[in-house]
């Protein structure tokens, strides 16, 4: 069976992706702590030691693989201190540099690279605009700069293999990512709109996220940037209202912008109080079909019985 290297394979999206690809591939998961993550992984996933200074040790594994998926990087949630922002960027560029080095040294047959990115690359100051893959990238926002550098870093490999950049929006899942944190507040009857509620929330169900990645792997002509997001973004007020409805909980306690800035600092302005109306133009044009087109459909699937449990 063919093998794929997945950087960040033990993370949220990586583990769901391996389930989606389970019948077609085996997996090689580089990690700084391979023993600690092995139990989280399926039986057909092999962990290997990740060392930035001894990158040559990854050469044999590159030579076994047909593809690379890079989902690694520091989580963007939390207060954005100077150290946090530096780690968000450096954690991504370290892996990018390593991929370039090993790719250059290995006698490999890598047919594709899927490079994880995010919709923050468009900049978070265009609330009223509908954006797709042809839209100009942001230039001033922290996430836009980090994401742009992250995508450009592997551009030297474009002539050697197929590279796909997946610009992912908020990924919805019952147990991981941001949604369970939101649901906790609703469970305590503290749910409600963030800030003005007019900012856009672009989102995607985890099932569609991994289905889209598989679609891009299987589509041998796919290359360049793809937005991985539902076709139907919603305003934040509607997001909160729909979440409350799915959980059978009220959604009336608005969180003022001042409180969110106090709690999360710069991250509140860059991520919570602004948003983007992103369209997955290229996915739709190339024939991908979303299972969950509306937020109501997605949340009803996630909370099938309408209840919330930890």
Protein backbone atom coordinates (compact mmCIF):
# COMPACT_ATOMS: atom_id res chain seq x y z
CA UNK A 1 0.00 0.00 0.00
CA UNK A 2 1.25 3.52 -0.80
CA UNK A 3 2.49 5.73 2.02
CA UNK A 4 1.91 9.38 2.88
CA UNK A 5 3.98 11.47 5.30
CA UNK A 6 1.78 13.65 7.51
CA UNK A 7 3.40 16.41 9.55
CA UNK A 8 0.99 17.23 12.36
CA UNK A 9 -0.67 13.86 11.89
CA UNK A 10 -1.46 13.43 15.58
CA UNK A 11 -3.45 16.67 15.61
CA UNK A 12 -7.18 17.24 15.20
CA UNK A 13 -7.44 17.34 11.40
CA UNK A 14 -4.62 14.84 10.90
CA UNK A 15 -6.31 12.07 12.90
CA UNK A 16 -9.65 12.56 11.12
CA UNK A 17 -7.85 12.63 7.78
CA UNK A 18 -6.18 9.28 8.42
CA UNK A 19 -9.61 7.74 9.00
CA UNK A 20 -10.78 9.17 5.67
CA UNK A 21 -7.73 7.84 3.81
CA UNK A 22 -7.46 4.59 5.76
CA UNK A 23 -8.43 2.27 2.89
CA UNK A 24 -5.96 3.78 0.43
CA UNK A 25 -2.76 4.62 2.28
CA UNK A 26 -0.42 3.88 5.14
CA UNK A 27 0.98 6.80 7.12
CA UNK A 28 4.35 8.04 8.34
CA UNK A 29 4.02 10.55 11.18
CA UNK A 30 7.17 12.55 12.11
CA UNK A 31 7.10 13.74 15.71
CA UNK A 32 9.49 15.08 18.32
CA UNK A 33 7.85 12.67 20.78
CA UNK A 34 6.90 9.61 18.71
CA UNK A 35 6.31 7.32 21.69
CA UNK A 36 3.84 9.77 23.25
CA UNK A 37 1.59 10.00 20.19
CA UNK A 38 1.64 6.40 18.95
CA UNK A 39 -1.40 5.36 20.96
CA UNK A 40 -3.47 8.14 19.34
CA UNK A 41 -2.80 6.81 15.86
CA UNK A 42 -4.29 3.98 13.78
CA UNK A 43 -2.48 0.68 13.37
CA UNK A 44 -1.30 1.57 9.86
CA UNK A 45 0.48 4.73 11.06
CA UNK A 46 4.21 4.61 11.81
CA UNK A 47 5.82 7.30 13.95
CA UNK A 48 9.37 8.50 13.31
CA UNK A 49 11.62 10.82 15.27
CA UNK A 50 11.55 14.43 14.06
CA UNK A 51 14.81 16.31 14.52
CA UNK A 52 15.48 19.62 12.80
CA UNK A 53 19.24 19.28 13.22
CA UNK A 54 19.31 15.67 11.97
CA UNK A 55 16.94 16.03 9.06
CA UNK A 56 18.86 13.40 7.07
CA UNK A 57 17.18 10.69 9.14
CA UNK A 58 13.91 11.47 7.35
CA UNK A 59 15.39 10.79 3.90
CA UNK A 60 14.52 7.02 3.87
CA UNK A 61 10.92 7.84 4.77
CA UNK A 62 10.61 10.45 2.01
CA UNK A 63 11.87 7.78 -0.38
CA UNK A 64 9.03 5.45 0.69
CA UNK A 65 6.24 8.03 0.29
CA UNK A 66 4.13 9.21 -2.64
CA UNK A 67 2.90 12.34 -0.89
CA UNK A 68 3.42 14.82 1.92
CA UNK A 69 0.70 16.53 3.94
CA UNK A 70 1.81 19.38 6.18
CA UNK A 71 -0.70 20.26 8.91
CA UNK A 72 1.86 21.15 11.58
CA UNK A 73 1.98 24.42 13.47
CA UNK A 74 1.23 26.15 16.76
CA UNK A 75 -2.50 26.60 17.41
CA UNK A 76 -3.61 30.20 16.78
CA UNK A 77 -6.12 30.25 19.65
CA UNK A 78 -5.29 31.98 22.93
CA UNK A 79 -3.85 35.37 23.83
CA UNK A 80 -1.45 36.63 21.18
CA UNK A 81 1.59 37.69 23.14
CA UNK A 82 4.79 38.51 21.29
CA UNK A 83 6.04 34.99 22.10
CA UNK A 84 2.80 33.40 20.90
CA UNK A 85 2.92 35.16 17.52
CA UNK A 86 6.56 34.25 17.07
CA UNK A 87 5.78 30.58 17.82
CA UNK A 88 2.81 30.55 15.41
CA UNK A 89 5.13 31.60 12.60
CA UNK A 90 8.34 29.77 13.55
CA UNK A 91 6.55 26.44 14.13
CA UNK A 92 5.36 26.52 10.53
CA UNK A 93 8.56 27.71 8.91
CA UNK A 94 10.66 25.11 10.75
CA UNK A 95 8.72 22.32 9.07
CA UNK A 96 8.81 24.13 5.73
CA UNK A 97 12.61 24.39 5.88
CA UNK A 98 12.89 20.73 6.85
CA UNK A 99 10.69 19.62 3.93
CA UNK A 100 12.82 21.64 1.51
CA UNK A 101 16.06 20.16 2.85
CA UNK A 102 14.91 16.55 2.83
CA UNK A 103 13.15 16.90 -0.54
CA UNK A 104 16.42 18.12 -2.05
CA UNK A 105 18.49 15.24 -0.63
CA UNK A 106 16.14 12.27 -1.06
CA UNK A 107 15.82 10.07 -4.13
CA UNK A 108 12.04 10.20 -3.87
CA UNK A 109 8.88 9.84 -5.92
CA UNK A 110 6.74 12.47 -4.18
CA UNK A 111 3.72 13.13 -6.39
CA UNK A 112 2.02 15.81 -4.29
CA UNK A 113 2.39 18.11 -1.30
CA UNK A 114 -0.67 19.38 0.57
CA UNK A 115 0.34 22.49 2.50
CA UNK A 116 -2.02 23.49 5.30
CA UNK A 117 -2.86 27.20 5.42
CA UNK A 118 -5.82 29.30 6.54
CA UNK A 119 -8.35 31.86 5.33
CA UNK A 120 -6.57 34.47 7.45
CA UNK A 121 -4.25 34.84 4.47
CA UNK A 122 -6.84 37.20 2.94
CA UNK A 123 -6.56 39.65 5.82
CA UNK A 124 -9.31 40.20 8.36
CA UNK A 125 -10.35 43.74 7.47
CA UNK A 126 -12.71 43.05 4.54
CA UNK A 127 -15.92 42.11 6.31
CA UNK A 128 -18.22 43.27 3.53
CA UNK A 129 -16.42 41.58 0.65
CA UNK A 130 -17.05 38.13 -0.79
CA UNK A 131 -13.66 36.50 -1.28
CA UNK A 132 -12.43 33.51 -3.27
CA UNK A 133 -9.07 32.15 -4.42
CA UNK A 134 -8.69 34.95 -6.97
CA UNK A 135 -8.94 37.68 -4.31
CA UNK A 136 -5.89 39.67 -3.26
CA UNK A 137 -4.12 38.49 -0.15
CA UNK A 138 -3.97 40.55 3.01
CA UNK A 139 -0.84 42.54 3.74
CA UNK A 140 -1.15 43.98 7.23
CA UNK A 141 -2.78 41.38 9.48
CA UNK A 142 -0.59 39.04 11.51
CA UNK A 143 -2.25 35.91 10.13
CA UNK A 144 -2.05 37.19 6.56
CA UNK A 145 1.70 37.74 6.82
CA UNK A 146 2.33 34.40 8.51
CA UNK A 147 0.16 32.46 6.05
CA UNK A 148 1.66 34.18 3.01
CA UNK A 149 5.21 33.34 4.14
CA UNK A 150 4.11 29.78 4.92
CA UNK A 151 2.68 29.25 1.44
CA UNK A 152 5.55 30.91 -0.40
CA UNK A 153 8.21 28.91 1.39
CA UNK A 154 7.61 25.76 -0.64
CA UNK A 155 7.25 27.58 -3.98
CA UNK A 156 10.72 26.36 -5.13
CA UNK A 157 9.23 22.86 -5.33
CA UNK A 158 6.46 23.79 -7.80
CA UNK A 159 8.53 22.63 -10.75
CA UNK A 160 9.26 19.28 -9.07
CA UNK A 161 5.89 18.16 -7.74
CA UNK A 162 2.24 19.13 -7.42
CA UNK A 163 1.61 21.54 -4.54
CA UNK A 164 -1.84 22.30 -3.13
CA UNK A 165 -2.43 25.01 -0.51
CA UNK A 166 -5.52 24.34 1.61
CA UNK A 167 -6.88 27.54 3.14
CA UNK A 168 -9.07 26.20 5.91
CA UNK A 169 -11.76 28.11 7.79
CA UNK A 170 -13.19 27.33 11.25
CA UNK A 171 -13.50 23.53 11.41
CA UNK A 172 -16.55 22.26 13.27
CA UNK A 173 -16.40 19.14 15.44
CA UNK A 174 -18.17 18.17 18.65
CA UNK A 175 -15.07 17.33 20.68
CA UNK A 176 -12.18 19.36 19.25
CA UNK A 177 -11.24 22.78 17.86
CA UNK A 178 -13.22 25.90 18.81
CA UNK A 179 -16.79 24.59 18.77
CA UNK A 180 -16.72 22.71 22.11
CA UNK A 181 -15.35 25.83 23.80
CA UNK A 182 -18.32 27.78 22.47
CA UNK A 183 -20.72 25.01 23.47
CA UNK A 184 -19.53 25.13 27.09
CA UNK A 185 -20.88 28.67 27.42
CA UNK A 186 -24.23 27.67 25.93
CA UNK A 187 -24.43 24.70 28.29
CA UNK A 188 -24.14 27.17 31.16
CA UNK A 189 -26.79 29.42 29.55
CA UNK A 190 -24.09 32.00 28.85
CA UNK A 191 -24.15 31.74 25.07
CA UNK A 192 -24.55 34.73 22.80
CA UNK A 193 -23.16 36.98 20.12
CA UNK A 194 -19.51 38.05 20.05
CA UNK A 195 -19.06 41.77 19.60
CA UNK A 196 -21.43 43.39 17.13
CA UNK A 197 -22.41 40.06 15.62
CA UNK A 198 -22.12 41.53 12.12
CA UNK A 199 -18.74 39.94 11.38
CA UNK A 200 -18.71 36.96 9.05
CA UNK A 201 -17.96 33.43 10.26
CA UNK A 202 -16.69 31.09 7.56
CA UNK A 203 -16.83 27.46 8.65
CA UNK A 204 -16.57 23.83 7.48
CA UNK A 205 -17.69 20.52 9.00
CA UNK A 206 -14.74 18.24 9.83
CA UNK A 207 -16.22 15.56 7.57
CA UNK A 208 -16.19 17.93 4.59
CA UNK A 209 -12.70 19.15 5.53
CA UNK A 210 -11.13 15.70 5.23
CA UNK A 211 -13.30 14.76 2.24
CA UNK A 212 -12.05 17.87 0.46
CA UNK A 213 -8.41 17.01 1.20
CA UNK A 214 -8.97 13.50 -0.19
CA UNK A 215 -10.62 15.03 -3.26
CA UNK A 216 -7.54 17.19 -3.84
CA UNK A 217 -5.20 14.22 -3.41
CA UNK A 218 -7.21 12.13 -5.88
CA UNK A 219 -7.57 14.97 -8.41
CA UNK A 220 -4.19 14.73 -10.15
CA UNK A 221 -4.66 18.11 -11.86
CA UNK A 222 -5.37 20.03 -8.65
CA UNK A 223 -2.67 22.53 -7.69
CA UNK A 224 -2.41 25.96 -6.12
CA UNK A 225 -4.76 27.44 -3.53
CA UNK A 226 -8.15 26.05 -2.51
CA UNK A 227 -10.49 27.47 0.11
CA UNK A 228 -11.74 24.72 2.40
CA UNK A 229 -14.90 26.29 3.71
CA UNK A 230 -18.64 25.84 3.34
CA UNK A 231 -20.22 27.83 0.48
CA UNK A 232 -22.44 29.56 3.04
CA UNK A 233 -20.69 31.74 5.59
CA UNK A 234 -22.92 33.34 8.22
CA UNK A 235 -22.83 36.46 10.36
CA UNK A 236 -21.62 35.84 13.91
CA UNK A 237 -25.05 36.63 15.35
CA UNK A 238 -26.60 33.94 13.15
CA UNK A 239 -23.83 31.49 14.08
CA UNK A 240 -24.56 31.93 17.79
CA UNK A 241 -28.31 31.72 17.27
CA UNK A 242 -27.99 28.51 15.22
CA UNK A 243 -25.64 26.95 17.76
CA UNK A 244 -28.04 27.76 20.58
CA UNK A 245 -30.90 26.21 18.62
CA UNK A 246 -28.91 23.01 17.96
CA UNK A 247 -28.14 22.73 21.69
CA UNK A 248 -31.62 23.77 22.82
CA UNK A 249 -30.02 26.63 24.72
CA UNK A 250 -30.64 30.39 24.71
CA UNK A 251 -28.37 32.79 22.82
CA UNK A 252 -28.92 36.23 24.28
CA UNK A 253 -25.79 37.16 26.30
CA UNK A 254 -23.74 39.35 23.99
CA UNK A 255 -20.00 39.47 24.70
CA UNK A 256 -18.91 43.12 24.26
CA UNK A 257 -15.81 43.79 22.19
CA UNK A 258 -14.12 45.44 25.19
CA UNK A 259 -14.42 42.26 27.26
CA UNK A 260 -13.09 40.08 24.45
CA UNK A 261 -10.10 42.42 23.97
CA UNK A 262 -9.40 42.27 27.69
CA UNK A 263 -9.49 38.47 27.63
CA UNK A 264 -7.67 37.77 24.36
CA UNK A 265 -5.77 40.93 23.45
CA UNK A 266 -4.81 41.30 19.78
CA UNK A 267 -6.27 37.90 18.92
CA UNK A 268 -9.77 39.25 19.66
CA UNK A 269 -9.46 41.97 17.03
CA UNK A 270 -7.75 39.72 14.52
CA UNK A 271 -9.91 36.65 14.91
CA UNK A 272 -13.07 37.07 17.02
CA UNK A 273 -14.33 40.55 16.17
CA UNK A 274 -13.57 40.43 12.47
CA UNK A 275 -14.34 37.81 9.90
CA UNK A 276 -14.37 36.88 6.24
CA UNK A 277 -17.04 35.76 3.80
CA UNK A 278 -15.03 33.11 1.97
CA UNK A 279 -16.24 31.08 -1.00
CA UNK A 280 -14.77 27.69 -2.05
CA UNK A 281 -14.90 28.66 -5.73
CA UNK A 282 -12.28 26.23 -7.03
CA UNK A 283 -13.61 23.20 -5.14
CA UNK A 284 -17.09 23.80 -6.52
CA UNK A 285 -15.87 24.43 -10.05
CA UNK A 286 -13.92 21.17 -10.02
CA UNK A 287 -16.85 19.07 -8.86
CA UNK A 288 -16.55 18.72 -5.09
CA UNK A 289 -19.92 18.31 -3.36
CA UNK A 290 -20.35 19.44 0.24
CA UNK A 291 -22.39 17.21 2.53
CA UNK A 292 -23.08 20.13 4.85
CA UNK A 293 -23.94 23.30 2.96
CA UNK A 294 -25.68 25.15 5.77
CA UNK A 295 -24.62 25.75 9.35
CA UNK A 296 -27.90 24.26 10.58
CA UNK A 297 -27.19 21.01 8.72
CA UNK A 298 -23.66 20.86 10.12
CA UNK A 299 -24.63 21.51 13.74
CA UNK A 300 -27.60 19.15 13.59
CA UNK A 301 -25.20 16.41 12.47
CA UNK A 302 -22.69 17.25 15.20
CA UNK A 303 -25.37 17.44 17.92
CA UNK A 304 -27.70 14.80 16.52
CA UNK A 305 -29.88 14.53 19.62
CA UNK A 306 -29.73 18.25 20.31
CA UNK A 307 -27.83 17.71 23.55
CA UNK A 308 -24.38 18.66 24.73
CA UNK A 309 -22.03 16.42 26.65
CA UNK A 310 -18.45 16.95 27.71
